[in-house]
């Protein structure tokens, strides 16, 4: 049997370490890519919810119109009740 050449041993170990490192870095890159995709999806979802919530608030003008209509009805009811009380 012949002796193992140290350079050949170093090259073999270096190749194995490089392959494992490449595999590990590839997995990390894929995980980061997936996290970025999920983050973008969550950001879009939160933005849609913010727009939906902001869009569903009652506008001040609408409330003013509604309160005016309610007070007019109440005034009419009050005047009818006063007319009934006078009789």
PDB file of N, CA and C in Angstrom:
ATOM      1  N   UNK A   1       0.833  -1.171   0.000  1.00  0.00           N
ATOM      2  CA  UNK A   1       0.000   0.000   0.000  1.00  0.00           C
ATOM      3  C   UNK A   1       0.873   1.228   0.000  1.00  0.00           C
ATOM      4  N   UNK A   2       0.350   2.196  -0.706  1.00  0.00           N
ATOM      5  CA  UNK A   2       1.125   3.434  -0.750  1.00  0.00           C
ATOM      6  C   UNK A   2       0.530   4.446   0.215  1.00  0.00           C
ATOM      7  N   UNK A   3       1.339   5.355   0.588  1.00  0.00           N
ATOM      8  CA  UNK A   3       0.930   6.396   1.521  1.00  0.00           C
ATOM      9  C   UNK A   3      -0.002   7.390   0.821  1.00  0.00           C
ATOM     10  N   UNK A   4      -0.975   7.950   1.605  1.00  0.00           N
ATOM     11  CA  UNK A   4      -1.897   8.949   1.052  1.00  0.00           C
ATOM     12  C   UNK A   4      -1.149  10.271   0.968  1.00  0.00           C
ATOM     13  N   UNK A   5      -1.238  10.844  -0.198  1.00  0.00           N
ATOM     14  CA  UNK A   5      -0.580  12.132  -0.425  1.00  0.00           C
ATOM     15  C   UNK A   5      -1.304  13.220   0.388  1.00  0.00           C
ATOM     16  N   UNK A   6      -0.604  14.031   1.180  1.00  0.00           N
ATOM     17  CA  UNK A   6      -1.259  15.067   2.000  1.00  0.00           C
ATOM     18  C   UNK A   6      -2.037  16.087   1.159  1.00  0.00           C
ATOM     19  N   UNK A   7      -1.528  16.385  -0.017  1.00  0.00           N
ATOM     20  CA  UNK A   7      -2.240  17.338  -0.869  1.00  0.00           C
ATOM     21  C   UNK A   7      -3.567  16.761  -1.323  1.00  0.00           C
ATOM     22  N   UNK A   8      -3.579  15.473  -1.666  1.00  0.00           N
ATOM     23  CA  UNK A   8      -4.815  14.815  -2.092  1.00  0.00           C
ATOM     24  C   UNK A   8      -5.812  14.798  -0.927  1.00  0.00           C
ATOM     25  N   UNK A   9      -5.365  14.507   0.270  1.00  0.00           N
ATOM     26  CA  UNK A   9      -6.222  14.492   1.456  1.00  0.00           C
ATOM     27  C   UNK A   9      -6.790  15.892   1.711  1.00  0.00           C
ATOM     28  N   UNK A  10      -5.952  16.905   1.626  1.00  0.00           N
ATOM     29  CA  UNK A  10      -6.407  18.278   1.823  1.00  0.00           C
ATOM     30  C   UNK A  10      -7.446  18.660   0.776  1.00  0.00           C
ATOM     31  N   UNK A  11      -7.188  18.330  -0.481  1.00  0.00           N
ATOM     32  CA  UNK A  11      -8.130  18.648  -1.554  1.00  0.00           C
ATOM     33  C   UNK A  11      -9.469  17.948  -1.333  1.00  0.00           C
ATOM     34  N   UNK A  12      -9.445  16.702  -0.915  1.00  0.00           N
ATOM     35  CA  UNK A  12     -10.679  15.957  -0.661  1.00  0.00           C
ATOM     36  C   UNK A  12     -11.487  16.559   0.485  1.00  0.00           C
ATOM     37  N   UNK A  13     -10.814  16.851   1.596  1.00  0.00           N
ATOM     38  CA  UNK A  13     -11.510  17.455   2.729  1.00  0.00           C
ATOM     39  C   UNK A  13     -12.034  18.848   2.384  1.00  0.00           C
ATOM     40  N   UNK A  14     -11.224  19.592   1.647  1.00  0.00           N
ATOM     41  CA  UNK A  14     -11.649  20.930   1.240  1.00  0.00           C
ATOM     42  C   UNK A  14     -12.870  20.858   0.330  1.00  0.00           C
ATOM     43  N   UNK A  15     -12.911  19.892  -0.553  1.00  0.00           N
ATOM     44  CA  UNK A  15     -14.059  19.716  -1.448  1.00  0.00           C
ATOM     45  C   UNK A  15     -15.320  19.385  -0.652  1.00  0.00           C
ATOM     46  N   UNK A  16     -15.175  18.498   0.328  1.00  0.00           N
ATOM     47  CA  UNK A  16     -16.331  18.122   1.154  1.00  0.00           C
ATOM     48  C   UNK A  16     -16.852  19.328   1.936  1.00  0.00           C
ATOM     49  N   UNK A  17     -15.928  20.075   2.535  1.00  0.00           N
ATOM     50  CA  UNK A  17     -16.324  21.267   3.301  1.00  0.00           C
ATOM     51  C   UNK A  17     -16.994  22.287   2.385  1.00  0.00           C
ATOM     52  N   UNK A  18     -16.482  22.485   1.184  1.00  0.00           N
ATOM     53  CA  UNK A  18     -17.075  23.440   0.244  1.00  0.00           C
ATOM     54  C   UNK A  18     -18.472  22.991  -0.184  1.00  0.00           C
ATOM     55  N   UNK A  19     -18.645  21.710  -0.435  1.00  0.00           N
ATOM     56  CA  UNK A  19     -19.966  21.200  -0.826  1.00  0.00           C
ATOM     57  C   UNK A  19     -20.976  21.401   0.303  1.00  0.00           C
ATOM     58  N   UNK A  20     -20.594  21.062   1.528  1.00  0.00           N
ATOM     59  CA  UNK A  20     -21.507  21.244   2.664  1.00  0.00           C
ATOM     60  C   UNK A  20     -21.814  22.720   2.902  1.00  0.00           C
ATOM     61  N   UNK A  21     -20.810  23.564   2.755  1.00  0.00           N
ATOM     62  CA  UNK A  21     -21.031  25.005   2.927  1.00  0.00           C
ATOM     63  C   UNK A  21     -21.962  25.544   1.846  1.00  0.00           C
ATOM     64  N   UNK A  22     -21.772  25.106   0.624  1.00  0.00           N
ATOM     65  CA  UNK A  22     -22.646  25.525  -0.472  1.00  0.00           C
ATOM     66  C   UNK A  22     -24.073  25.088  -0.246  1.00  0.00           C
ATOM     67  N   UNK A  23     -24.256  23.854   0.221  1.00  0.00           N
ATOM     68  CA  UNK A  23     -25.598  23.341   0.505  1.00  0.00           C
ATOM     69  C   UNK A  23     -26.251  24.168   1.622  1.00  0.00           C
ATOM     70  N   UNK A  24     -25.486  24.456   2.676  1.00  0.00           N
ATOM     71  CA  UNK A  24     -25.999  25.234   3.794  1.00  0.00           C
ATOM     72  C   UNK A  24     -26.372  26.647   3.357  1.00  0.00           C
ATOM     73  N   UNK A  25     -25.500  27.298   2.605  1.00  0.00           N
ATOM     74  CA  UNK A  25     -25.790  28.655   2.133  1.00  0.00           C
ATOM     75  C   UNK A  25     -26.989  28.683   1.196  1.00  0.00           C
ATOM     76  N   UNK A  26     -27.141  27.664   0.378  1.00  0.00           N
ATOM     77  CA  UNK A  26     -28.296  27.577  -0.522  1.00  0.00           C
ATOM     78  C   UNK A  26     -29.589  27.455   0.282  1.00  0.00           C
ATOM     79  N   UNK A  27     -29.581  26.643   1.333  1.00  0.00           N
ATOM     80  CA  UNK A  27     -30.769  26.506   2.179  1.00  0.00           C
ATOM     81  C   UNK A  27     -31.093  27.809   2.893  1.00  0.00           C
ATOM     82  N   UNK A  28     -30.073  28.498   3.364  1.00  0.00           N
ATOM     83  CA  UNK A  28     -30.292  29.787   4.038  1.00  0.00           C
ATOM     84  C   UNK A  28     -30.863  30.801   3.056  1.00  0.00           C
ATOM     85  N   UNK A  29     -30.331  30.828   1.847  1.00  0.00           N
ATOM     86  CA  UNK A  29     -30.831  31.754   0.825  1.00  0.00           C
ATOM     87  C   UNK A  29     -32.291  31.467   0.493  1.00  0.00           C
ATOM     88  N   UNK A  30     -32.658  30.182   0.370  1.00  0.00           N
ATOM     89  CA  UNK A  30     -34.048  29.815   0.093  1.00  0.00           C
ATOM     90  C   UNK A  30     -34.970  30.214   1.250  1.00  0.00           C
ATOM     91  N   UNK A  31     -34.494  30.042   2.485  1.00  0.00           N
ATOM     92  CA  UNK A  31     -35.306  30.409   3.647  1.00  0.00           C
ATOM     93  C   UNK A  31     -35.522  31.921   3.692  1.00  0.00           C
ATOM     94  N   UNK A  32     -34.486  32.683   3.405  1.00  0.00           N
ATOM     95  CA  UNK A  32     -34.612  34.149   3.395  1.00  0.00           C
ATOM     96  C   UNK A  32     -35.561  34.582   2.285  1.00  0.00           C
ATOM     97  N   UNK A  33     -35.469  33.947   1.142  1.00  0.00           N
ATOM     98  CA  UNK A  33     -36.349  34.274   0.021  1.00  0.00           C
ATOM     99  C   UNK A  33     -37.808  33.990   0.395  1.00  0.00           C
ATOM    100  N   UNK A  34     -38.056  32.875   1.048  1.00  0.00           N
ATOM    101  CA  UNK A  34     -39.412  32.527   1.473  1.00  0.00           C
ATOM    102  C   UNK A  34     -39.928  33.516   2.525  1.00  0.00           C
ATOM    103  N   UNK A  35     -39.053  33.910   3.455  1.00  0.00           N
ATOM    104  CA  UNK A  35     -39.448  34.887   4.467  1.00  0.00           C
ATOM    105  C   UNK A  35     -39.786  36.235   3.842  1.00  0.00           C
ATOM    106  N   UNK A  36     -39.035  36.639   2.839  1.00  0.00           N
ATOM    107  CA  UNK A  36     -39.328  37.900   2.150  1.00  0.00           C
ATOM    108  C   UNK A  36     -40.686  37.825   1.459  1.00  0.00           C
ATOM    109  N   UNK A  37     -40.974  36.691   0.841  1.00  0.00           N
ATOM    110  CA  UNK A  37     -42.268  36.511   0.177  1.00  0.00           C
ATOM    111  C   UNK A  37     -43.398  36.585   1.193  1.00  0.00           C
ATOM    112  N   UNK A  38     -43.236  35.904   2.332  1.00  0.00           N
ATOM    113  CA  UNK A  38     -44.266  35.936   3.365  1.00  0.00           C
ATOM    114  C   UNK A  38     -44.419  37.338   3.943  1.00  0.00           C
ATOM    115  N   UNK A  39     -43.311  38.040   4.121  1.00  0.00           N
ATOM    116  CA  UNK A  39     -43.360  39.403   4.652  1.00  0.00           C
ATOM    117  C   UNK A  39     -44.116  40.323   3.699  1.00  0.00           C
ATOM    118  N   UNK A  40     -43.863  40.183   2.411  1.00  0.00           N
ATOM    119  CA  UNK A  40     -44.563  41.003   1.427  1.00  0.00           C
ATOM    120  C   UNK A  40     -46.052  40.703   1.447  1.00  0.00           C
ATOM    121  N   UNK A  41     -46.405  39.427   1.551  1.00  0.00           N
ATOM    122  CA  UNK A  41     -47.819  39.053   1.597  1.00  0.00           C
ATOM    123  C   UNK A  41     -48.494  39.640   2.836  1.00  0.00           C
ATOM    124  N   UNK A  42     -47.821  39.571   3.982  1.00  0.00           N
ATOM    125  CA  UNK A  42     -48.392  40.131   5.204  1.00  0.00           C
ATOM    126  C   UNK A  42     -48.513  41.653   5.121  1.00  0.00           C
ATOM    127  N   UNK A  43     -47.516  42.299   4.535  1.00  0.00           N
ATOM    128  CA  UNK A  43     -47.560  43.753   4.376  1.00  0.00           C
ATOM    129  C   UNK A  43     -48.737  44.156   3.495  1.00  0.00           C
ATOM    130  N   UNK A  44     -48.931  43.442   2.397  1.00  0.00           N
ATOM    131  CA  UNK A  44     -50.062  43.733   1.511  1.00  0.00           C
ATOM    132  C   UNK A  44     -51.386  43.526   2.234  1.00  0.00           C
ATOM    133  N   UNK A  45     -51.479  42.468   3.023  1.00  0.00           N
ATOM    134  CA  UNK A  45     -52.710  42.179   3.759  1.00  0.00           C
ATOM    135  C   UNK A  45     -53.013  43.275   4.777  1.00  0.00           C
ATOM    136  N   UNK A  46     -51.999  43.722   5.504  1.00  0.00           N
ATOM    137  CA  UNK A  46     -52.191  44.791   6.494  1.00  0.00           C
ATOM    138  C   UNK A  46     -52.601  46.083   5.798  1.00  0.00           C
ATOM    139  N   UNK A  47     -52.006  46.397   4.664  1.00  0.00           N
ATOM    140  CA  UNK A  47     -52.369  47.608   3.937  1.00  0.00           C
ATOM    141  C   UNK A  47     -53.809  47.551   3.454  1.00  0.00           C
ATOM    142  N   UNK A  48     -54.264  46.385   2.985  1.00  0.00           N
ATOM    143  CA  UNK A  48     -55.654  46.240   2.554  1.00  0.00           C
ATOM    144  C   UNK A  48     -56.600  46.435   3.730  1.00  0.00           C
ATOM    145  N   UNK A  49     -56.228  45.901   4.884  1.00  0.00           N
ATOM    146  CA  UNK A  49     -57.069  46.054   6.070  1.00  0.00           C
ATOM    147  C   UNK A  49     -57.126  47.517   6.491  1.00  0.00           C
ATOM    148  N   UNK A  50     -55.984  48.215   6.455  1.00  0.00           N
ATOM    149  CA  UNK A  50     -55.954  49.634   6.817  1.00  0.00           C
ATOM    150  C   UNK A  50     -56.851  50.449   5.890  1.00  0.00           C
ATOM    151  N   UNK A  51     -56.816  50.168   4.610  1.00  0.00           N
ATOM    152  CA  UNK A  51     -57.644  50.893   3.654  1.00  0.00           C
ATOM    153  C   UNK A  51     -59.115  50.579   3.906  1.00  0.00           C
ATOM    154  N   UNK A  52     -59.416  49.316   4.173  1.00  0.00           N
ATOM    155  CA  UNK A  52     -60.791  48.916   4.411  1.00  0.00           C
ATOM    156  C   UNK A  52     -61.341  49.599   5.665  1.00  0.00           C
ATOM    157  N   UNK A  53     -60.556  49.612   6.735  1.00  0.00           N
ATOM    158  CA  UNK A  53     -61.006  50.235   7.973  1.00  0.00           C
ATOM    159  C   UNK A  53     -61.178  51.738   7.781  1.00  0.00           C
ATOM    160  N   UNK A  54     -60.225  52.369   7.150  1.00  0.00           N
ATOM    161  CA  UNK A  54     -60.307  53.809   6.944  1.00  0.00           C
ATOM    162  C   UNK A  54     -61.474  54.164   6.020  1.00  0.00           C
ATOM    163  N   UNK A  55     -61.787  53.310   5.089  1.00  0.00           N
ATOM    164  CA  UNK A  55     -62.873  53.571   4.149  1.00  0.00           C
ATOM    165  C   UNK A  55     -64.241  53.340   4.744  1.00  0.00           C
ATOM    166  N   UNK A  56     -64.348  52.600   5.836  1.00  0.00           N
ATOM    167  CA  UNK A  56     -65.645  52.267   6.409  1.00  0.00           C
ATOM    168  C   UNK A  56     -66.080  53.187   7.537  1.00  0.00           C
ATOM    169  N   UNK A  57     -65.292  54.182   7.869  1.00  0.00           N
ATOM    170  CA  UNK A  57     -65.711  55.135   8.881  1.00  0.00           C
ATOM    171  C   UNK A  57     -66.827  56.006   8.324  1.00  0.00           C
ATOM    172  N   UNK A  58     -67.727  56.399   9.196  1.00  0.00           N
ATOM    173  CA  UNK A  58     -68.809  57.281   8.783  1.00  0.00           C
ATOM    174  C   UNK A  58     -68.235  58.689   8.639  1.00  0.00           C
ATOM    175  N   UNK A  59     -68.557  59.301   7.538  1.00  0.00           N
ATOM    176  CA  UNK A  59     -68.064  60.653   7.282  1.00  0.00           C
ATOM    177  C   UNK A  59     -68.844  61.660   8.125  1.00  0.00           C
ATOM    178  N   UNK A  60     -68.206  62.733   8.483  1.00  0.00           N
ATOM    179  CA  UNK A  60     -68.829  63.767   9.320  1.00  0.00           C
ATOM    180  C   UNK A  60     -70.056  64.361   8.631  1.00  0.00           C
ATOM    181  N   UNK A  61     -69.974  64.564   7.332  1.00  0.00           N
ATOM    182  CA  UNK A  61     -71.105  65.127   6.592  1.00  0.00           C
ATOM    183  C   UNK A  61     -72.310  64.201   6.673  1.00  0.00           C
ATOM    184  N   UNK A  62     -72.067  62.887   6.588  1.00  0.00           N
ATOM    185  CA  UNK A  62     -73.165  61.929   6.675  1.00  0.00           C
ATOM    186  C   UNK A  62     -73.825  61.962   8.046  1.00  0.00           C
ATOM    187  N   UNK A  63     -73.012  62.053   9.077  1.00  0.00           N
ATOM    188  CA  UNK A  63     -73.557  62.125  10.438  1.00  0.00           C
ATOM    189  C   UNK A  63     -74.349  63.416  10.618  1.00  0.00           C
ATOM    190  N   UNK A  64     -73.845  64.520  10.088  1.00  0.00           N
ATOM    191  CA  UNK A  64     -74.565  65.798  10.195  1.00  0.00           C
ATOM    192  C   UNK A  64     -75.921  65.720   9.500  1.00  0.00           C
ATOM    193  N   UNK A  65     -75.947  65.134   8.309  1.00  0.00           N
ATOM    194  CA  UNK A  65     -77.218  64.983   7.585  1.00  0.00           C
ATOM    195  C   UNK A  65     -78.185  64.106   8.374  1.00  0.00           C
ATOM    196  N   UNK A  66     -77.671  63.003   8.916  1.00  0.00           N
ATOM    197  CA  UNK A  66     -78.520  62.096   9.675  1.00  0.00           C
ATOM    198  C   UNK A  66     -79.059  62.754  10.936  1.00  0.00           C
ATOM    199  N   UNK A  67     -78.214  63.474  11.642  1.00  0.00           N
ATOM    200  CA  UNK A  67     -78.682  64.132  12.872  1.00  0.00           C
ATOM    201  C   UNK A  67     -79.693  65.225  12.542  1.00  0.00           C
ATOM    202  N   UNK A  68     -79.501  65.966  11.448  1.00  0.00           N
ATOM    203  CA  UNK A  68     -80.487  66.967  11.035  1.00  0.00           C
ATOM    204  C   UNK A  68     -81.834  66.313  10.746  1.00  0.00           C
ATOM    205  N   UNK A  69     -81.821  65.196  10.030  1.00  0.00           N
ATOM    206  CA  UNK A  69     -83.064  64.493   9.712  1.00  0.00           C
ATOM    207  C   UNK A  69     -83.749  63.990  10.982  1.00  0.00           C
ATOM    208  N   UNK A  70     -82.981  63.461  11.911  1.00  0.00           N
ATOM    209  CA  UNK A  70     -83.551  62.956  13.169  1.00  0.00           C
ATOM    210  C   UNK A  70     -84.170  64.097  13.964  1.00  0.00           C
ATOM    211  N   UNK A  71     -83.471  65.225  14.056  1.00  0.00           N
ATOM    212  CA  UNK A  71     -84.010  66.360  14.817  1.00  0.00           C
ATOM    213  C   UNK A  71     -85.270  66.929  14.154  1.00  0.00           C
ATOM    214  N   UNK A  72     -85.332  66.957  12.832  1.00  0.00           N
ATOM    215  CA  UNK A  72     -86.535  67.419  12.144  1.00  0.00           C
ATOM    216  C   UNK A  72     -87.722  66.507  12.471  1.00  0.00           C
ATOM    217  N   UNK A  73     -87.480  65.207  12.448  1.00  0.00           N
ATOM    218  CA  UNK A  73     -88.545  64.251  12.794  1.00  0.00           C
ATOM    219  C   UNK A  73     -88.987  64.450  14.238  1.00  0.00           C
ATOM    220  N   UNK A  74     -88.017  64.621  15.142  1.00  0.00           N
ATOM    221  CA  UNK A  74     -88.360  64.828  16.552  1.00  0.00           C
ATOM    222  C   UNK A  74     -89.152  66.122  16.735  1.00  0.00           C
ATOM    223  N   UNK A  75     -88.795  67.170  16.003  1.00  0.00           N
ATOM    224  CA  UNK A  75     -89.538  68.424  16.081  1.00  0.00           C
ATOM    225  C   UNK A  75     -90.976  68.237  15.597  1.00  0.00           C
ATOM    226  N   UNK A  76     -91.150  67.481  14.517  1.00  0.00           N
ATOM    227  CA  UNK A  76     -92.497  67.201  14.008  1.00  0.00           C
ATOM    228  C   UNK A  76     -93.306  66.415  15.026  1.00  0.00           C
ATOM    229  N   UNK A  77     -92.687  65.425  15.642  1.00  0.00           N
ATOM    230  CA  UNK A  77     -93.382  64.628  16.659  1.00  0.00           C
ATOM    231  C   UNK A  77     -93.769  65.511  17.838  1.00  0.00           C
ATOM    232  N   UNK A  78     -92.848  66.358  18.246  1.00  0.00           N
ATOM    233  CA  UNK A  78     -93.112  67.252  19.379  1.00  0.00           C
ATOM    234  C   UNK A  78     -94.273  68.198  19.074  1.00  0.00           C
ATOM    235  N   UNK A  79     -94.271  68.766  17.854  1.00  0.00           N
ATOM    236  CA  UNK A  79     -95.357  69.679  17.496  1.00  0.00           C
ATOM    237  C   UNK A  79     -96.693  68.944  17.435  1.00  0.00           C
ATOM    238  N   UNK A  80     -96.714  67.711  16.977  1.00  0.00           N
ATOM    239  CA  UNK A  80     -97.953  66.929  16.941  1.00  0.00           C
ATOM    240  C   UNK A  80     -98.427  66.627  18.353  1.00  0.00           C
ATOM    241  N   UNK A  81     -97.486  66.312  19.240  1.00  0.00           N
ATOM    242  CA  UNK A  81     -97.863  66.034  20.633  1.00  0.00           C
ATOM    243  C   UNK A  81     -98.404  67.287  21.305  1.00  0.00           C
ATOM    244  N   UNK A  82     -97.823  68.430  21.025  1.00  0.00           N
ATOM    245  CA  UNK A  82     -98.337  69.684  21.588  1.00  0.00           C
ATOM    246  C   UNK A  82     -99.726  69.982  21.056  1.00  0.00           C
ATOM    247  N   UNK A  83     -99.955  69.681  19.781  1.00  0.00           N
ATOM    248  CA  UNK A  83    -101.287  69.879  19.201  1.00  0.00           C
ATOM    249  C   UNK A  83    -102.305  68.974  19.841  1.00  0.00           C
ATOM    250  N   UNK A  84    -101.950  67.747  20.186  1.00  0.00           N
ATOM    251  CA  UNK A  84    -102.849  66.799  20.836  1.00  0.00           C
ATOM    252  C   UNK A  84    -103.118  67.238  22.277  1.00  0.00           C
ATOM    253  N   UNK A  85    -102.113  67.776  22.944  1.00  0.00           N
ATOM    254  CA  UNK A  85    -102.265  68.192  24.336  1.00  0.00           C
ATOM    255  C   UNK A  85    -103.167  69.403  24.444  1.00  0.00           C
ATOM    256  N   UNK A  86    -103.185  70.244  23.420  1.00  0.00           N
ATOM    257  CA  UNK A  86    -104.015  71.444  23.439  1.00  0.00           C
ATOM    258  C   UNK A  86    -105.495  71.107  23.306  1.00  0.00           C
ATOM    259  N   UNK A  87    -105.841  70.023  22.707  1.00  0.00           N
ATOM    260  CA  UNK A  87    -107.248  69.670  22.445  1.00  0.00           C
ATOM    261  C   UNK A  87    -107.912  69.165  23.640  1.00  0.00           C
TER     262      UNK A  87
END
